[in-house]
Amino acid sequence: MSADDDARRLQTANPTGWFEDLYAEAEAGKASVPWDQPHPQPHLVEWTSGTDGAGRRALVVGCGYGRDAEFLASLGYDVVAFDISPTGIATVRARYPESKVEYVVADLLDPPAEWHHAFDLVVENMTVQALPVDLHARAIERVAWLTGSTLLVLAVARDEGPAPDGPPWPLTPSEIEAFACDGRPRARSGAITPGGWLSSCVNWP
């Protein structure tokens, strides 16, 4: 069974809590985590080229095993990274025992109140699209709620229309636009690569 098959099997059984199920099975050697890659997300690396994060706070949404969080910390950011899975967070802390990143168990749909607009940079890398479609609107609103000035969304894009079988459930144009619709003045830029990858940046002055 592939890593994607493991994810679909667990999501079907537990639509919102399947992340913990997956990480727990992976820790027991019974499943593989499909997004466990040996390097940070390439689009994040490209987007941050030449960036000095010193003096700025960054938040990584759904941090998984911490590749993106550790990369941002290497650029000088003061990084908080969270995941809903206690097993996932315990594993990433064990992987990086000397890390400067603050790894936290938290729920994107109900984040700590003190995180409201508290981060200079928020990175949302494929977390929303891993949630069932009926949770997308709430998750998107919470991601914007977390962002103080700059939000980077990395996802797979799809056209409007019926949702595909998932996970994942790629984001539609209207969902992508919704990240920037929290009432604050903002500037937005984005691009979709030939492979369907979306890189969207929202800046709030």
Protein backbone atom coordinates (compact mmCIF):
# COMPACT_ATOMS: atom_id res chain seq x y z
CA MET A 1 0.00 0.00 0.00
CA SER A 2 1.36 3.43 -0.96
CA ALA A 3 1.69 6.41 1.38
CA ASP A 4 -1.23 8.09 -0.42
CA ASP A 5 -3.34 4.95 0.07
CA ASP A 6 -2.51 4.97 3.79
CA ALA A 7 -3.71 8.58 4.03
CA ARG A 8 -6.96 7.90 2.16
CA ARG A 9 -7.74 4.83 4.24
CA LEU A 10 -7.33 6.71 7.52
CA GLN A 11 -9.13 9.84 6.33
CA THR A 12 -12.16 7.79 5.34
CA ALA A 13 -12.34 6.31 8.83
CA ASN A 14 -11.70 9.58 10.69
CA PRO A 15 -12.27 12.70 8.54
CA THR A 16 -10.79 15.28 10.96
CA GLY A 17 -8.58 13.23 13.26
CA TRP A 18 -6.82 11.16 10.65
CA PHE A 19 -3.58 13.12 10.93
CA GLU A 20 -2.93 11.71 14.39
CA ASP A 21 -3.94 8.24 13.20
CA LEU A 22 -1.47 8.47 10.32
CA TYR A 23 1.45 9.74 12.41
CA ALA A 24 0.78 7.12 15.08
CA GLU A 25 0.73 4.32 12.51
CA ALA A 26 3.88 5.71 10.88
CA GLU A 27 5.64 5.78 14.25
CA ALA A 28 4.65 2.13 14.72
CA GLY A 29 5.96 1.25 11.26
CA LYS A 30 2.49 0.44 9.91
CA ALA A 31 2.07 3.34 7.47
CA SER A 32 3.99 6.01 5.58
CA VAL A 33 3.40 9.77 5.68
CA PRO A 34 3.13 10.96 2.04
CA TRP A 35 4.48 14.46 2.75
CA ASP A 36 7.55 13.25 4.69
CA GLN A 37 10.20 14.59 2.31
CA PRO A 38 13.97 14.87 2.95
CA HIS A 39 14.07 18.57 2.06
CA PRO A 40 12.02 21.76 2.50
CA GLN A 41 9.31 22.55 -0.03
CA PRO A 42 11.13 23.70 -3.22
CA HIS A 43 8.70 26.57 -3.87
CA LEU A 44 9.34 27.85 -0.34
CA VAL A 45 13.09 27.71 -0.92
CA GLU A 46 12.70 29.65 -4.17
CA TRP A 47 10.34 32.23 -2.65
CA THR A 48 12.68 32.96 0.27
CA SER A 49 15.84 33.22 -1.83
CA GLY A 50 18.00 36.02 -0.41
CA THR A 51 15.72 36.52 2.61
CA ASP A 52 17.06 37.49 6.02
CA GLY A 53 14.48 36.54 8.63
CA ALA A 54 16.32 38.05 11.59
CA GLY A 55 13.96 39.92 13.90
CA ARG A 56 10.83 38.47 12.29
CA ARG A 57 8.40 35.81 13.51
CA ALA A 58 7.23 33.01 11.24
CA LEU A 59 4.50 30.41 11.69
CA VAL A 60 4.34 27.11 9.82
CA VAL A 61 0.82 25.68 9.56
CA GLY A 62 0.55 21.89 9.77
CA CYS A 63 4.30 21.52 10.15
CA GLY A 64 4.49 17.74 9.92
CA TYR A 65 8.06 16.58 10.42
CA GLY A 66 9.47 20.10 10.41
CA ARG A 67 11.43 20.43 7.15
CA ASP A 68 9.96 23.84 6.29
CA ALA A 69 10.16 25.10 9.87
CA GLU A 70 13.83 24.16 10.22
CA PHE A 71 14.58 25.80 6.88
CA LEU A 72 12.95 29.08 7.93
CA ALA A 73 14.86 28.98 11.21
CA SER A 74 18.09 28.63 9.21
CA LEU A 75 17.21 31.95 7.53
CA GLY A 76 17.03 33.69 10.90
CA TYR A 77 13.29 33.65 11.54
CA ASP A 78 11.94 33.12 15.04
CA VAL A 79 9.75 30.14 14.12
CA VAL A 80 6.67 28.62 15.69
CA ALA A 81 5.41 25.47 13.97
CA PHE A 82 2.28 23.56 14.85
CA ASP A 83 0.44 20.39 14.00
CA ILE A 84 -2.75 18.84 15.32
CA SER A 85 -1.01 15.50 15.85
CA PRO A 86 0.66 14.99 19.24
CA THR A 87 2.58 12.04 17.81
CA GLY A 88 3.80 14.14 14.90
CA ILE A 89 5.02 16.90 17.21
CA ALA A 90 6.73 14.40 19.53
CA THR A 91 8.47 12.86 16.53
CA VAL A 92 9.72 16.16 15.13
CA ARG A 93 11.02 17.25 18.54
CA ALA A 94 12.96 13.97 18.72
CA ARG A 95 14.32 14.48 15.21
CA TYR A 96 15.61 17.98 16.02
CA PRO A 97 16.49 17.91 19.75
CA GLU A 98 18.61 21.09 19.46
CA SER A 99 16.13 22.97 17.29
CA LYS A 100 15.41 26.66 17.81
CA VAL A 101 11.89 26.12 16.46
CA GLU A 102 9.02 26.11 18.95
CA TYR A 103 6.96 23.04 18.02
CA VAL A 104 3.39 23.15 19.34
CA VAL A 105 0.35 20.88 19.27
CA ALA A 106 -2.52 23.06 18.05
CA ASP A 107 -5.65 22.91 15.91
CA LEU A 108 -5.83 25.18 12.86
CA LEU A 109 -9.59 25.45 13.30
CA ASP A 110 -9.19 26.64 16.91
CA PRO A 111 -5.73 28.23 17.28
CA PRO A 112 -4.50 30.00 20.43
CA ALA A 113 -5.97 33.49 20.83
CA GLU A 114 -2.53 35.04 21.27
CA TRP A 115 -1.61 34.01 17.72
CA HIS A 116 -4.06 36.49 16.17
CA HIS A 117 -2.13 38.52 13.55
CA ALA A 118 1.01 37.67 15.56
CA PHE A 119 3.35 36.55 12.77
CA ASP A 120 5.28 38.48 10.15
CA LEU A 121 5.19 35.42 7.87
CA VAL A 122 2.73 32.53 7.81
CA VAL A 123 3.46 29.53 5.57
CA GLU A 124 0.49 27.34 4.60
CA ASN A 125 1.93 24.37 2.69
CA MET A 126 -0.81 21.95 1.59
CA THR A 127 -2.57 21.73 4.97
CA VAL A 128 -5.95 23.16 3.96
CA GLN A 129 -6.15 20.88 0.93
CA ALA A 130 -5.63 17.87 3.22
CA LEU A 131 -8.89 18.73 5.02
CA PRO A 132 -12.35 17.74 3.76
CA VAL A 133 -13.84 20.38 1.47
CA ASP A 134 -16.54 21.35 3.97
CA LEU A 135 -13.78 22.53 6.33
CA HIS A 136 -11.89 24.61 3.76
CA ALA A 137 -13.70 27.91 4.38
CA ARG A 138 -13.12 27.82 8.14
CA ALA A 139 -9.49 26.75 7.71
CA ILE A 140 -8.80 29.49 5.17
CA GLU A 141 -10.33 32.12 7.46
CA ARG A 142 -8.14 30.94 10.35
CA VAL A 143 -4.97 31.06 8.25
CA ALA A 144 -5.65 34.71 7.39
CA TRP A 145 -6.51 35.37 11.06
CA LEU A 146 -3.04 34.20 12.05
CA THR A 147 -1.19 36.40 9.55
CA GLY A 148 0.22 39.75 10.60
CA SER A 149 1.77 40.87 7.33
CA THR A 150 2.74 38.17 4.79
CA LEU A 151 1.04 34.88 3.94
CA LEU A 152 2.54 32.32 1.57
CA VAL A 153 0.14 29.63 0.37
CA LEU A 154 1.59 26.59 -1.39
CA ALA A 155 -0.98 24.17 -2.77
CA VAL A 156 -2.25 22.26 -5.76
CA ALA A 157 -4.88 24.17 -7.73
CA ARG A 158 -7.98 22.93 -9.54
CA ASP A 159 -10.88 24.46 -11.44
CA GLU A 160 -14.21 25.26 -9.83
CA GLY A 161 -16.63 22.35 -9.80
CA PRO A 162 -17.39 19.15 -7.93
CA ALA A 163 -14.75 18.14 -5.41
CA PRO A 164 -12.55 15.22 -6.42
CA ASP A 165 -12.03 12.14 -4.31
CA GLY A 166 -9.39 12.89 -1.72
CA PRO A 167 -7.32 13.49 0.17
CA PRO A 168 -6.02 15.78 -1.07
CA TRP A 169 -8.73 18.21 -2.20
CA PRO A 170 -6.89 20.85 -4.29
CA LEU A 171 -7.94 24.48 -3.91
CA THR A 172 -10.26 26.29 -6.31
CA PRO A 173 -9.71 29.88 -7.53
CA SER A 174 -12.41 31.16 -5.18
CA GLU A 175 -10.79 29.39 -2.22
CA ILE A 176 -7.40 30.83 -3.12
CA GLU A 177 -8.90 34.32 -3.30
CA ALA A 178 -10.58 33.82 0.09
CA PHE A 179 -7.21 33.79 1.87
CA ALA A 180 -7.03 37.54 1.14
CA CYS A 181 -10.65 38.40 2.00
CA ASP A 182 -10.51 39.21 5.71
CA GLY A 183 -11.41 42.88 5.30
CA ARG A 184 -7.90 44.31 5.59
CA PRO A 185 -6.29 46.23 2.70
CA ARG A 186 -3.85 43.91 1.00
CA ALA A 187 -1.80 43.19 -2.08
CA ARG A 188 -1.81 39.72 -3.62
CA SER A 189 0.36 37.96 -6.16
CA GLY A 190 0.39 34.38 -7.32
CA ALA A 191 1.34 31.92 -10.03
CA ILE A 192 0.34 28.42 -11.06
CA THR A 193 3.07 26.24 -12.54
CA PRO A 194 2.46 23.87 -15.48
CA GLY A 195 2.20 21.00 -12.98
CA GLY A 196 -0.73 22.67 -11.22
CA TRP A 197 1.27 23.93 -8.24
CA LEU A 198 0.04 27.21 -6.79
CA SER A 199 2.26 29.74 -5.07
CA SER A 200 0.19 32.64 -3.72
CA CYS A 201 1.50 35.49 -1.58
CA VAL A 202 -0.72 37.96 0.30
CA ASN A 203 0.78 41.05 1.92
CA TRP A 204 -1.07 43.20 4.44
CA PRO A 205 0.59 46.61 5.04
